[in-house]
Amino acid sequence: MSTFFRQEVDAAVDALLLQQVILYPTDTVWGLGCDAEVPPAVERLYKLKQRPPEKSCIVLVADEVMFARYAAVVPSHLRMLLAAQSKPTTYVVPGSRHLAPNLLAADGTIGLRVVLNDEFCHKVVRRLGHGLVSTSANLSGEPTPGLYSEVNPALIRGADYVVNWRQDETARTTPSRVVRVLDDGALEILRD
């Protein structure tokens, strides 16, 4: 692990601990994020993105234990789901009281994604010790940026900290798959 990588992880975590909004490369697309347990930070993120408050965001977690902290109901077969997924997958489940209330959808659900294959995001979430809000780094209604070069300059200026990691990448990325976990454990695909 390079010194530059460690410095970027540290800088991102420091900003998050100060309840700031960061612009960062997620395990999928470029995103805006903040501590998922801090309502004022979530409010600032929504304002920056110009996102209606009734539209919820995704929360990145480090592992099954953190998933269970934020899910009021944990799918009994979560370990199997994670082992079988072929690309980053967000699971929509009832949210717990540990989340900032302004993160929850109108029906009380939240999208949770265990970061399995992205070392940067995993280290940030692990070091933060809380879930990390993840919403695409675009103004509400604009296209999702798969590359740093596609991020709206207003968001770059508006974020408290812009992560310098992976800004030069040219490989296009796509948003995660999103599935709702139904009461019987079946999955309803919301975005594939």
N, C-alpha and C. Protein backbone atom coordinates (compact mmCIF):
# COMPACT_ATOMS: atom_id res chain seq x y z
N MET A 1 0.85 -1.18 0.00
CA MET A 1 0.00 0.00 0.00
C MET A 1 0.89 1.24 0.00
N SER A 2 0.66 2.12 -0.95
CA SER A 2 1.53 3.29 -1.11
C SER A 2 1.22 4.36 -0.05
N THR A 3 2.19 5.22 0.16
CA THR A 3 2.01 6.35 1.09
C THR A 3 0.89 7.24 0.60
N PHE A 4 0.83 7.50 -0.72
CA PHE A 4 -0.22 8.34 -1.29
C PHE A 4 -1.60 7.75 -1.00
N PHE A 5 -1.75 6.45 -1.19
CA PHE A 5 -3.02 5.77 -0.91
C PHE A 5 -3.42 5.97 0.55
N ARG A 6 -2.48 5.71 1.46
CA ARG A 6 -2.76 5.86 2.90
C ARG A 6 -3.13 7.30 3.24
N GLN A 7 -2.44 8.26 2.63
CA GLN A 7 -2.74 9.68 2.89
C GLN A 7 -4.15 10.03 2.43
N GLU A 8 -4.57 9.50 1.30
CA GLU A 8 -5.92 9.79 0.80
C GLU A 8 -6.99 9.14 1.67
N VAL A 9 -6.74 7.93 2.13
CA VAL A 9 -7.68 7.28 3.07
C VAL A 9 -7.78 8.13 4.34
N ASP A 10 -6.63 8.52 4.89
CA ASP A 10 -6.61 9.32 6.12
C ASP A 10 -7.34 10.65 5.94
N ALA A 11 -7.08 11.33 4.82
CA ALA A 11 -7.70 12.63 4.57
C ALA A 11 -9.22 12.50 4.43
N ALA A 12 -9.66 11.46 3.74
CA ALA A 12 -11.11 11.23 3.59
C ALA A 12 -11.75 10.96 4.95
N VAL A 13 -11.13 10.10 5.75
CA VAL A 13 -11.68 9.77 7.07
C VAL A 13 -11.67 11.01 7.96
N ASP A 14 -10.61 11.80 7.93
CA ASP A 14 -10.55 13.02 8.74
C ASP A 14 -11.72 13.95 8.40
N ALA A 15 -11.98 14.14 7.11
CA ALA A 15 -13.10 15.00 6.68
C ALA A 15 -14.43 14.43 7.17
N LEU A 16 -14.60 13.12 7.05
CA LEU A 16 -15.85 12.49 7.49
C LEU A 16 -16.05 12.63 9.00
N LEU A 17 -14.96 12.50 9.76
CA LEU A 17 -15.05 12.66 11.21
C LEU A 17 -15.40 14.08 11.61
N LEU A 18 -15.09 15.04 10.73
CA LEU A 18 -15.46 16.45 10.96
C LEU A 18 -16.87 16.74 10.44
N GLN A 19 -17.59 15.68 10.07
CA GLN A 19 -18.97 15.77 9.57
C GLN A 19 -19.05 16.53 8.25
N GLN A 20 -18.02 16.35 7.43
CA GLN A 20 -17.97 17.01 6.14
C GLN A 20 -18.44 16.09 5.02
N VAL A 21 -18.65 16.69 3.84
CA VAL A 21 -19.05 15.95 2.64
C VAL A 21 -17.82 15.75 1.77
N ILE A 22 -17.61 14.51 1.32
CA ILE A 22 -16.46 14.23 0.45
C ILE A 22 -16.96 13.83 -0.95
N LEU A 23 -16.10 14.08 -1.93
CA LEU A 23 -16.30 13.61 -3.30
C LEU A 23 -15.25 12.52 -3.48
N TYR A 24 -15.69 11.30 -3.85
CA TYR A 24 -14.75 10.18 -3.82
C TYR A 24 -15.12 9.10 -4.84
N PRO A 25 -14.13 8.27 -5.23
CA PRO A 25 -14.41 7.14 -6.11
C PRO A 25 -15.00 6.01 -5.28
N THR A 26 -16.23 5.63 -5.56
CA THR A 26 -16.85 4.52 -4.84
C THR A 26 -16.40 3.21 -5.48
N ASP A 27 -17.00 2.12 -5.08
CA ASP A 27 -16.71 0.83 -5.70
C ASP A 27 -17.41 0.71 -7.05
N THR A 28 -18.16 1.76 -7.43
CA THR A 28 -18.84 1.77 -8.73
C THR A 28 -18.51 3.08 -9.46
N VAL A 29 -19.25 4.15 -9.20
CA VAL A 29 -19.07 5.43 -9.89
C VAL A 29 -18.51 6.46 -8.91
N TRP A 30 -18.26 7.69 -9.39
CA TRP A 30 -17.84 8.77 -8.48
C TRP A 30 -19.04 9.18 -7.65
N GLY A 31 -18.80 9.40 -6.35
CA GLY A 31 -19.91 9.69 -5.46
C GLY A 31 -19.63 10.82 -4.49
N LEU A 32 -20.72 11.27 -3.87
CA LEU A 32 -20.65 12.19 -2.74
C LEU A 32 -20.96 11.37 -1.51
N GLY A 33 -20.28 11.66 -0.40
CA GLY A 33 -20.51 10.88 0.79
C GLY A 33 -20.32 11.67 2.06
N CYS A 34 -20.87 11.10 3.13
CA CYS A 34 -20.71 11.64 4.48
C CYS A 34 -21.01 10.50 5.45
N ASP A 35 -20.83 10.76 6.73
CA ASP A 35 -21.10 9.78 7.77
C ASP A 35 -22.60 9.51 7.79
N ALA A 36 -22.99 8.26 7.69
CA ALA A 36 -24.40 7.87 7.61
C ALA A 36 -25.14 8.03 8.93
N GLU A 37 -24.44 8.40 10.00
CA GLU A 37 -25.08 8.56 11.30
C GLU A 37 -25.24 10.02 11.70
N VAL A 38 -24.88 10.96 10.82
CA VAL A 38 -24.86 12.37 11.17
C VAL A 38 -25.87 13.16 10.32
N PRO A 39 -27.08 13.41 10.88
CA PRO A 39 -28.11 14.10 10.10
C PRO A 39 -27.69 15.44 9.46
N PRO A 40 -26.95 16.32 10.16
CA PRO A 40 -26.57 17.58 9.50
C PRO A 40 -25.66 17.37 8.28
N ALA A 41 -24.79 16.36 8.34
CA ALA A 41 -23.93 16.07 7.19
C ALA A 41 -24.77 15.56 6.02
N VAL A 42 -25.74 14.71 6.31
CA VAL A 42 -26.64 14.20 5.27
C VAL A 42 -27.41 15.36 4.65
N GLU A 43 -27.87 16.27 5.48
CA GLU A 43 -28.60 17.45 4.98
C GLU A 43 -27.72 18.29 4.05
N ARG A 44 -26.46 18.49 4.42
CA ARG A 44 -25.53 19.26 3.58
C ARG A 44 -25.31 18.56 2.24
N LEU A 45 -25.18 17.23 2.28
CA LEU A 45 -24.97 16.46 1.06
C LEU A 45 -26.18 16.62 0.12
N TYR A 46 -27.38 16.51 0.66
CA TYR A 46 -28.60 16.66 -0.15
C TYR A 46 -28.67 18.06 -0.77
N LYS A 47 -28.31 19.06 0.02
CA LYS A 47 -28.34 20.45 -0.47
C LYS A 47 -27.33 20.63 -1.61
N LEU A 48 -26.12 20.11 -1.43
CA LEU A 48 -25.09 20.21 -2.46
C LEU A 48 -25.52 19.53 -3.74
N LYS A 49 -26.11 18.37 -3.63
CA LYS A 49 -26.54 17.60 -4.79
C LYS A 49 -27.85 18.12 -5.39
N GLN A 50 -28.55 19.00 -4.62
CA GLN A 50 -29.86 19.50 -5.01
C GLN A 50 -30.85 18.34 -5.17
N ARG A 51 -30.77 17.42 -4.23
CA ARG A 51 -31.59 16.21 -4.27
C ARG A 51 -32.81 16.39 -3.36
N PRO A 52 -34.00 16.03 -3.85
CA PRO A 52 -35.18 16.11 -2.98
C PRO A 52 -35.00 15.22 -1.75
N PRO A 53 -35.37 15.71 -0.57
CA PRO A 53 -35.13 14.93 0.66
C PRO A 53 -35.86 13.60 0.71
N GLU A 54 -36.91 13.43 -0.09
CA GLU A 54 -37.63 12.15 -0.05
C GLU A 54 -36.91 11.04 -0.83
N LYS A 55 -35.86 11.40 -1.59
CA LYS A 55 -35.09 10.38 -2.31
C LYS A 55 -33.93 9.93 -1.41
N SER A 56 -33.93 8.67 -1.05
CA SER A 56 -32.90 8.17 -0.14
C SER A 56 -31.59 7.90 -0.89
N CYS A 57 -30.55 7.69 -0.13
CA CYS A 57 -29.22 7.37 -0.67
C CYS A 57 -28.83 5.97 -0.25
N ILE A 58 -27.75 5.49 -0.82
CA ILE A 58 -27.16 4.20 -0.47
C ILE A 58 -26.14 4.42 0.65
N VAL A 59 -25.93 3.39 1.45
CA VAL A 59 -24.91 3.44 2.49
C VAL A 59 -23.94 2.27 2.27
N LEU A 60 -22.66 2.60 2.17
CA LEU A 60 -21.62 1.58 2.04
C LEU A 60 -21.21 1.11 3.43
N VAL A 61 -21.06 -0.21 3.57
CA VAL A 61 -20.63 -0.80 4.83
C VAL A 61 -19.46 -1.73 4.57
N ALA A 62 -18.70 -2.02 5.63
CA ALA A 62 -17.47 -2.79 5.48
C ALA A 62 -17.69 -4.30 5.50
N ASP A 63 -18.75 -4.74 6.20
CA ASP A 63 -18.92 -6.17 6.37
C ASP A 63 -20.34 -6.48 6.85
N GLU A 64 -20.58 -7.76 7.12
CA GLU A 64 -21.91 -8.20 7.56
C GLU A 64 -22.29 -7.61 8.92
N VAL A 65 -21.33 -7.42 9.79
CA VAL A 65 -21.62 -6.85 11.11
C VAL A 65 -22.13 -5.42 10.97
N MET A 66 -21.47 -4.64 10.13
CA MET A 66 -21.90 -3.26 9.91
C MET A 66 -23.25 -3.23 9.18
N PHE A 67 -23.45 -4.15 8.26
CA PHE A 67 -24.74 -4.29 7.57
C PHE A 67 -25.84 -4.47 8.63
N ALA A 68 -25.59 -5.36 9.60
CA ALA A 68 -26.58 -5.65 10.64
C ALA A 68 -26.84 -4.44 11.54
N ARG A 69 -25.87 -3.56 11.69
CA ARG A 69 -26.06 -2.34 12.49
C ARG A 69 -27.13 -1.44 11.86
N TYR A 70 -27.15 -1.40 10.52
CA TYR A 70 -28.03 -0.46 9.82
C TYR A 70 -29.30 -1.08 9.27
N ALA A 71 -29.41 -2.38 9.32
CA ALA A 71 -30.61 -3.06 8.81
C ALA A 71 -31.48 -3.48 9.99
N ALA A 72 -32.74 -3.04 9.98
CA ALA A 72 -33.66 -3.47 11.03
C ALA A 72 -33.96 -4.96 10.89
N VAL A 73 -33.88 -5.45 9.65
CA VAL A 73 -34.08 -6.87 9.37
C VAL A 73 -32.95 -7.32 8.45
N VAL A 74 -32.14 -8.26 8.92
CA VAL A 74 -31.02 -8.76 8.12
C VAL A 74 -31.47 -10.03 7.39
N PRO A 75 -31.29 -10.08 6.07
CA PRO A 75 -31.65 -11.32 5.35
C PRO A 75 -30.89 -12.50 5.94
N SER A 76 -31.60 -13.61 6.20
CA SER A 76 -30.96 -14.78 6.82
C SER A 76 -29.89 -15.38 5.91
N HIS A 77 -30.02 -15.14 4.62
CA HIS A 77 -29.07 -15.71 3.66
C HIS A 77 -28.11 -14.64 3.10
N LEU A 78 -27.83 -13.60 3.90
CA LEU A 78 -26.96 -12.51 3.45
C LEU A 78 -25.58 -13.03 3.03
N ARG A 79 -25.00 -13.91 3.81
CA ARG A 79 -23.66 -14.43 3.48
C ARG A 79 -23.66 -15.11 2.11
N MET A 80 -24.72 -15.88 1.82
CA MET A 80 -24.84 -16.55 0.51
C MET A 80 -25.03 -15.51 -0.61
N LEU A 81 -25.84 -14.49 -0.33
CA LEU A 81 -26.06 -13.44 -1.34
C LEU A 81 -24.74 -12.75 -1.69
N LEU A 82 -23.96 -12.41 -0.67
CA LEU A 82 -22.69 -11.72 -0.90
C LEU A 82 -21.70 -12.62 -1.64
N ALA A 83 -21.68 -13.88 -1.30
CA ALA A 83 -20.76 -14.82 -1.95
C ALA A 83 -21.13 -15.04 -3.41
N ALA A 84 -22.41 -14.94 -3.73
CA ALA A 84 -22.87 -15.23 -5.09
C ALA A 84 -22.88 -14.02 -6.02
N GLN A 85 -22.77 -12.81 -5.45
CA GLN A 85 -22.90 -11.64 -6.33
C GLN A 85 -21.71 -11.51 -7.27
N SER A 86 -22.03 -11.15 -8.53
CA SER A 86 -20.99 -11.03 -9.55
C SER A 86 -20.59 -9.58 -9.80
N LYS A 87 -21.34 -8.63 -9.23
CA LYS A 87 -20.98 -7.21 -9.33
C LYS A 87 -21.52 -6.50 -8.09
N PRO A 88 -21.03 -5.29 -7.80
CA PRO A 88 -21.51 -4.59 -6.60
C PRO A 88 -23.05 -4.54 -6.58
N THR A 89 -23.61 -4.96 -5.44
CA THR A 89 -25.06 -5.05 -5.31
C THR A 89 -25.50 -4.36 -4.03
N THR A 90 -26.51 -3.52 -4.18
CA THR A 90 -27.11 -2.79 -3.06
C THR A 90 -28.40 -3.51 -2.67
N TYR A 91 -28.54 -3.78 -1.38
CA TYR A 91 -29.71 -4.50 -0.86
C TYR A 91 -30.61 -3.52 -0.13
N VAL A 92 -31.85 -3.38 -0.57
CA VAL A 92 -32.82 -2.49 0.06
C VAL A 92 -33.54 -3.28 1.15
N VAL A 93 -33.38 -2.80 2.40
CA VAL A 93 -33.94 -3.47 3.58
C VAL A 93 -34.52 -2.40 4.52
N PRO A 94 -35.33 -2.81 5.49
CA PRO A 94 -35.79 -1.83 6.49
C PRO A 94 -34.58 -1.27 7.24
N GLY A 95 -34.54 0.05 7.39
CA GLY A 95 -33.41 0.71 8.05
C GLY A 95 -33.54 0.69 9.56
N SER A 96 -32.40 0.79 10.25
CA SER A 96 -32.38 0.76 11.72
C SER A 96 -32.30 2.18 12.28
N ARG A 97 -32.42 2.27 13.59
CA ARG A 97 -32.38 3.56 14.28
C ARG A 97 -30.97 4.16 14.30
N HIS A 98 -29.96 3.40 13.92
CA HIS A 98 -28.59 3.92 13.94
C HIS A 98 -28.30 4.87 12.78
N LEU A 99 -29.15 4.85 11.75
CA LEU A 99 -28.95 5.71 10.59
C LEU A 99 -29.51 7.10 10.85
N ALA A 100 -28.92 8.10 10.20
CA ALA A 100 -29.52 9.43 10.22
C ALA A 100 -30.93 9.29 9.64
N PRO A 101 -31.95 9.76 10.36
CA PRO A 101 -33.33 9.58 9.89
C PRO A 101 -33.58 10.16 8.49
N ASN A 102 -32.85 11.22 8.14
CA ASN A 102 -33.06 11.84 6.82
C ASN A 102 -32.43 11.04 5.68
N LEU A 103 -31.85 9.88 5.99
CA LEU A 103 -31.34 8.98 4.95
C LEU A 103 -32.38 7.97 4.49
N LEU A 104 -33.35 7.71 5.35
CA LEU A 104 -34.32 6.65 5.07
C LEU A 104 -35.32 7.07 4.00
N ALA A 105 -35.74 6.10 3.19
CA ALA A 105 -36.80 6.34 2.21
C ALA A 105 -38.11 6.52 2.97
N ALA A 106 -39.13 7.00 2.28
CA ALA A 106 -40.44 7.24 2.90
C ALA A 106 -41.00 5.97 3.54
N ASP A 107 -40.67 4.81 2.99
CA ASP A 107 -41.18 3.55 3.54
C ASP A 107 -40.27 2.98 4.64
N GLY A 108 -39.26 3.76 5.07
CA GLY A 108 -38.39 3.33 6.15
C GLY A 108 -37.25 2.42 5.73
N THR A 109 -37.05 2.27 4.42
CA THR A 109 -35.98 1.38 3.95
C THR A 109 -34.70 2.16 3.67
N ILE A 110 -33.63 1.39 3.52
CA ILE A 110 -32.32 1.94 3.16
C ILE A 110 -31.62 0.95 2.23
N GLY A 111 -30.83 1.46 1.31
CA GLY A 111 -30.00 0.61 0.46
C GLY A 111 -28.63 0.45 1.09
N LEU A 112 -28.23 -0.79 1.37
CA LEU A 112 -26.93 -1.07 1.97
C LEU A 112 -26.08 -1.90 1.01
N ARG A 113 -24.81 -1.53 0.88
CA ARG A 113 -23.91 -2.29 0.01
C ARG A 113 -22.62 -2.58 0.76
N VAL A 114 -22.29 -3.87 0.85
CA VAL A 114 -21.02 -4.28 1.46
C VAL A 114 -19.94 -4.10 0.40
N VAL A 115 -18.93 -3.31 0.73
CA VAL A 115 -17.84 -3.04 -0.20
C VAL A 115 -16.88 -4.23 -0.16
N LEU A 116 -16.93 -5.04 -1.22
CA LEU A 116 -16.13 -6.26 -1.24
C LEU A 116 -14.84 -6.12 -2.04
N ASN A 117 -14.89 -5.39 -3.15
CA ASN A 117 -13.77 -5.42 -4.09
C ASN A 117 -13.15 -4.07 -4.37
N ASP A 118 -13.26 -3.14 -3.43
CA ASP A 118 -12.64 -1.84 -3.62
C ASP A 118 -11.88 -1.49 -2.35
N GLU A 119 -10.55 -1.58 -2.43
CA GLU A 119 -9.73 -1.40 -1.23
C GLU A 119 -9.88 0.00 -0.64
N PHE A 120 -9.95 1.02 -1.49
CA PHE A 120 -10.06 2.39 -0.98
C PHE A 120 -11.33 2.56 -0.14
N CYS A 121 -12.48 2.24 -0.73
CA CYS A 121 -13.76 2.41 -0.01
C CYS A 121 -13.80 1.54 1.24
N HIS A 122 -13.31 0.32 1.12
CA HIS A 122 -13.33 -0.58 2.27
C HIS A 122 -12.51 0.00 3.42
N LYS A 123 -11.32 0.51 3.12
CA LYS A 123 -10.47 1.06 4.18
C LYS A 123 -11.09 2.31 4.80
N VAL A 124 -11.70 3.16 3.97
CA VAL A 124 -12.34 4.38 4.50
C VAL A 124 -13.47 4.00 5.44
N VAL A 125 -14.34 3.10 5.01
CA VAL A 125 -15.48 2.70 5.84
C VAL A 125 -15.00 2.01 7.12
N ARG A 126 -14.03 1.14 6.99
CA ARG A 126 -13.49 0.42 8.15
C ARG A 126 -12.91 1.42 9.15
N ARG A 127 -12.09 2.35 8.68
CA ARG A 127 -11.46 3.34 9.58
C ARG A 127 -12.49 4.28 10.18
N LEU A 128 -13.48 4.69 9.40
CA LEU A 128 -14.53 5.58 9.91
C LEU A 128 -15.32 4.87 11.02
N GLY A 129 -15.56 3.58 10.82
CA GLY A 129 -16.31 2.83 11.82
C GLY A 129 -17.82 3.00 11.70
N HIS A 130 -18.26 3.75 10.72
CA HIS A 130 -19.68 3.99 10.46
C HIS A 130 -19.93 3.75 8.98
N GLY A 131 -21.20 3.63 8.63
CA GLY A 131 -21.56 3.55 7.23
C GLY A 131 -21.21 4.86 6.52
N LEU A 132 -20.92 4.75 5.23
CA LEU A 132 -20.56 5.90 4.41
C LEU A 132 -21.65 6.11 3.36
N VAL A 133 -22.29 7.27 3.42
CA VAL A 133 -23.31 7.58 2.42
C VAL A 133 -22.66 7.57 1.05
N SER A 134 -23.38 7.02 0.08
CA SER A 134 -22.90 6.97 -1.29
C SER A 134 -24.05 7.35 -2.22
N THR A 135 -23.90 8.48 -2.87
CA THR A 135 -24.84 8.90 -3.89
C THR A 135 -24.02 9.42 -5.06
N SER A 136 -24.47 9.16 -6.26
CA SER A 136 -23.67 9.55 -7.43
C SER A 136 -23.36 11.04 -7.40
N ALA A 137 -22.16 11.38 -7.86
CA ALA A 137 -21.67 12.76 -7.82
C ALA A 137 -22.18 13.55 -9.02
N ASN A 138 -23.49 13.75 -9.02
CA ASN A 138 -24.13 14.56 -10.06
C ASN A 138 -25.21 15.39 -9.40
N LEU A 139 -25.54 16.52 -10.02
CA LEU A 139 -26.69 17.27 -9.54
C LEU A 139 -27.92 16.44 -9.86
N SER A 140 -28.92 16.51 -9.02
CA SER A 140 -30.12 15.70 -9.20
C SER A 140 -30.67 15.86 -10.61
N GLY A 141 -30.86 14.73 -11.29
CA GLY A 141 -31.39 14.75 -12.66
C GLY A 141 -30.34 14.71 -13.75
N GLU A 142 -29.07 14.99 -13.41
CA GLU A 142 -27.99 14.93 -14.40
C GLU A 142 -27.49 13.50 -14.53
N PRO A 143 -26.73 13.19 -15.61
CA PRO A 143 -26.18 11.84 -15.78
C PRO A 143 -25.19 11.48 -14.66
N THR A 144 -25.12 10.19 -14.36
CA THR A 144 -24.19 9.68 -13.35
C THR A 144 -22.77 9.68 -13.91
N PRO A 145 -21.79 10.25 -13.18
CA PRO A 145 -20.41 10.28 -13.66
C PRO A 145 -19.67 8.97 -13.41
N GLY A 146 -19.30 8.31 -14.49
CA GLY A 146 -18.50 7.10 -14.36
C GLY A 146 -17.02 7.41 -14.22
N LEU A 147 -16.64 8.64 -14.57
CA LEU A 147 -15.25 9.08 -14.50
C LEU A 147 -15.18 10.41 -13.74
N TYR A 148 -14.05 10.67 -13.10
CA TYR A 148 -13.88 11.93 -12.39
C TYR A 148 -14.06 13.12 -13.33
N SER A 149 -13.58 12.98 -14.57
CA SER A 149 -13.66 14.09 -15.53
C SER A 149 -15.10 14.47 -15.87
N GLU A 150 -16.06 13.62 -15.54
CA GLU A 150 -17.47 13.89 -15.83
C GLU A 150 -18.20 14.53 -14.64
N VAL A 151 -17.52 14.70 -13.51
CA VAL A 151 -18.17 15.28 -12.34
C VAL A 151 -18.38 16.77 -12.57
N ASN A 152 -19.58 17.25 -12.24
CA ASN A 152 -19.93 18.66 -12.39
C ASN A 152 -18.97 19.51 -11.54
N PRO A 153 -18.33 20.54 -12.14
CA PRO A 153 -17.39 21.39 -11.39
C PRO A 153 -18.01 22.03 -10.14
N ALA A 154 -19.31 22.27 -10.15
CA ALA A 154 -19.97 22.85 -8.97
C ALA A 154 -19.87 21.90 -7.78
N LEU A 155 -19.92 20.59 -8.03
CA LEU A 155 -19.80 19.62 -6.95
C LEU A 155 -18.36 19.52 -6.47
N ILE A 156 -17.42 19.65 -7.39
CA ILE A 156 -16.00 19.63 -7.01
C ILE A 156 -15.71 20.82 -6.09
N ARG A 157 -16.24 21.98 -6.44
CA ARG A 157 -16.05 23.18 -5.61
C ARG A 157 -16.82 23.08 -4.29
N GLY A 158 -17.97 22.44 -4.31
CA GLY A 158 -18.84 22.41 -3.14
C GLY A 158 -18.49 21.37 -2.10
N ALA A 159 -17.78 20.31 -2.50
CA ALA A 159 -17.40 19.27 -1.54
C ALA A 159 -16.35 19.82 -0.58
N ASP A 160 -16.40 19.35 0.66
CA ASP A 160 -15.40 19.78 1.65
C ASP A 160 -14.03 19.17 1.37
N TYR A 161 -14.04 17.93 0.86
CA TYR A 161 -12.78 17.28 0.49
C TYR A 161 -13.00 16.47 -0.77
N VAL A 162 -12.08 16.64 -1.73
CA VAL A 162 -12.10 15.88 -2.98
C VAL A 162 -10.96 14.88 -2.92
N VAL A 163 -11.29 13.61 -2.95
CA VAL A 163 -10.29 12.54 -2.88
C VAL A 163 -9.48 12.55 -4.18
N ASN A 164 -8.19 12.47 -4.05
CA ASN A 164 -7.28 12.51 -5.20
C ASN A 164 -7.01 11.14 -5.80
N TRP A 165 -7.53 10.10 -5.20
CA TRP A 165 -7.30 8.73 -5.65
C TRP A 165 -8.16 8.43 -6.87
N ARG A 166 -7.58 7.80 -7.90
CA ARG A 166 -8.28 7.31 -9.10
C ARG A 166 -8.88 8.41 -9.99
N GLN A 167 -8.43 9.63 -9.86
CA GLN A 167 -8.97 10.71 -10.69
C GLN A 167 -8.59 10.56 -12.16
N ASP A 168 -7.48 9.88 -12.44
CA ASP A 168 -6.99 9.76 -13.82
C ASP A 168 -7.50 8.53 -14.55
N GLU A 169 -8.30 7.71 -13.88
CA GLU A 169 -8.78 6.49 -14.54
C GLU A 169 -9.65 6.82 -15.75
N THR A 170 -9.55 5.96 -16.76
CA THR A 170 -10.33 6.17 -17.99
C THR A 170 -11.30 5.03 -18.26
N ALA A 171 -11.26 3.99 -17.44
CA ALA A 171 -12.18 2.86 -17.62
C ALA A 171 -13.55 3.27 -17.08
N ARG A 172 -14.56 3.17 -17.92
CA ARG A 172 -15.92 3.58 -17.54
C ARG A 172 -16.48 2.62 -16.50
N THR A 173 -17.14 3.18 -15.51
CA THR A 173 -17.78 2.38 -14.46
C THR A 173 -19.29 2.62 -14.49
N THR A 174 -20.02 1.73 -13.85
CA THR A 174 -21.49 1.83 -13.84
C THR A 174 -22.01 1.71 -12.41
N PRO A 175 -23.23 2.21 -12.18
CA PRO A 175 -23.82 2.09 -10.84
C PRO A 175 -24.04 0.63 -10.44
N SER A 176 -24.29 0.43 -9.17
CA SER A 176 -24.50 -0.93 -8.65
C SER A 176 -25.85 -1.49 -9.08
N ARG A 177 -25.94 -2.78 -8.96
CA ARG A 177 -27.23 -3.47 -9.08
C ARG A 177 -27.98 -3.16 -7.78
N VAL A 178 -29.28 -2.95 -7.85
CA VAL A 178 -30.08 -2.67 -6.66
C VAL A 178 -31.21 -3.69 -6.58
N VAL A 179 -31.31 -4.37 -5.43
CA VAL A 179 -32.36 -5.35 -5.22
C VAL A 179 -33.06 -5.10 -3.89
N ARG A 180 -34.36 -5.31 -3.88
CA ARG A 180 -35.13 -5.23 -2.63
C ARG A 180 -35.23 -6.65 -2.07
N VAL A 181 -34.93 -6.79 -0.77
CA VAL A 181 -35.07 -8.09 -0.13
C VAL A 181 -36.50 -8.18 0.40
N LEU A 182 -37.28 -9.11 -0.15
CA LEU A 182 -38.68 -9.27 0.23
C LEU A 182 -38.80 -10.07 1.53
N ASP A 183 -39.98 -10.02 2.14
CA ASP A 183 -40.19 -10.69 3.43
C ASP A 183 -39.86 -12.17 3.41
N ASP A 184 -40.09 -12.82 2.25
CA ASP A 184 -39.81 -14.26 2.15
C ASP A 184 -38.35 -14.55 1.78
N GLY A 185 -37.54 -13.49 1.69
CA GLY A 185 -36.12 -13.66 1.36
C GLY A 185 -35.82 -13.57 -0.13
N ALA A 186 -36.87 -13.56 -0.96
CA ALA A 186 -36.67 -13.42 -2.40
C ALA A 186 -36.16 -12.02 -2.73
N LEU A 187 -35.55 -11.86 -3.89
CA LEU A 187 -35.02 -10.58 -4.33
C LEU A 187 -35.86 -10.01 -5.45
N GLU A 188 -36.20 -8.73 -5.34
CA GLU A 188 -36.89 -8.00 -6.41
C GLU A 188 -35.86 -7.07 -7.02
N ILE A 189 -35.56 -7.22 -8.30
CA ILE A 189 -34.54 -6.40 -8.96
C ILE A 189 -35.14 -5.02 -9.25
N LEU A 190 -34.51 -3.98 -8.69
CA LEU A 190 -34.94 -2.61 -8.93
C LEU A 190 -34.09 -1.94 -10.01
N ARG A 191 -32.80 -2.32 -10.09
CA ARG A 191 -31.90 -1.81 -11.12
C ARG A 191 -30.86 -2.88 -11.38
N ASP A 192 -30.67 -3.23 -12.65
CA ASP A 192 -29.70 -4.28 -13.00
C ASP A 192 -28.64 -3.77 -13.88
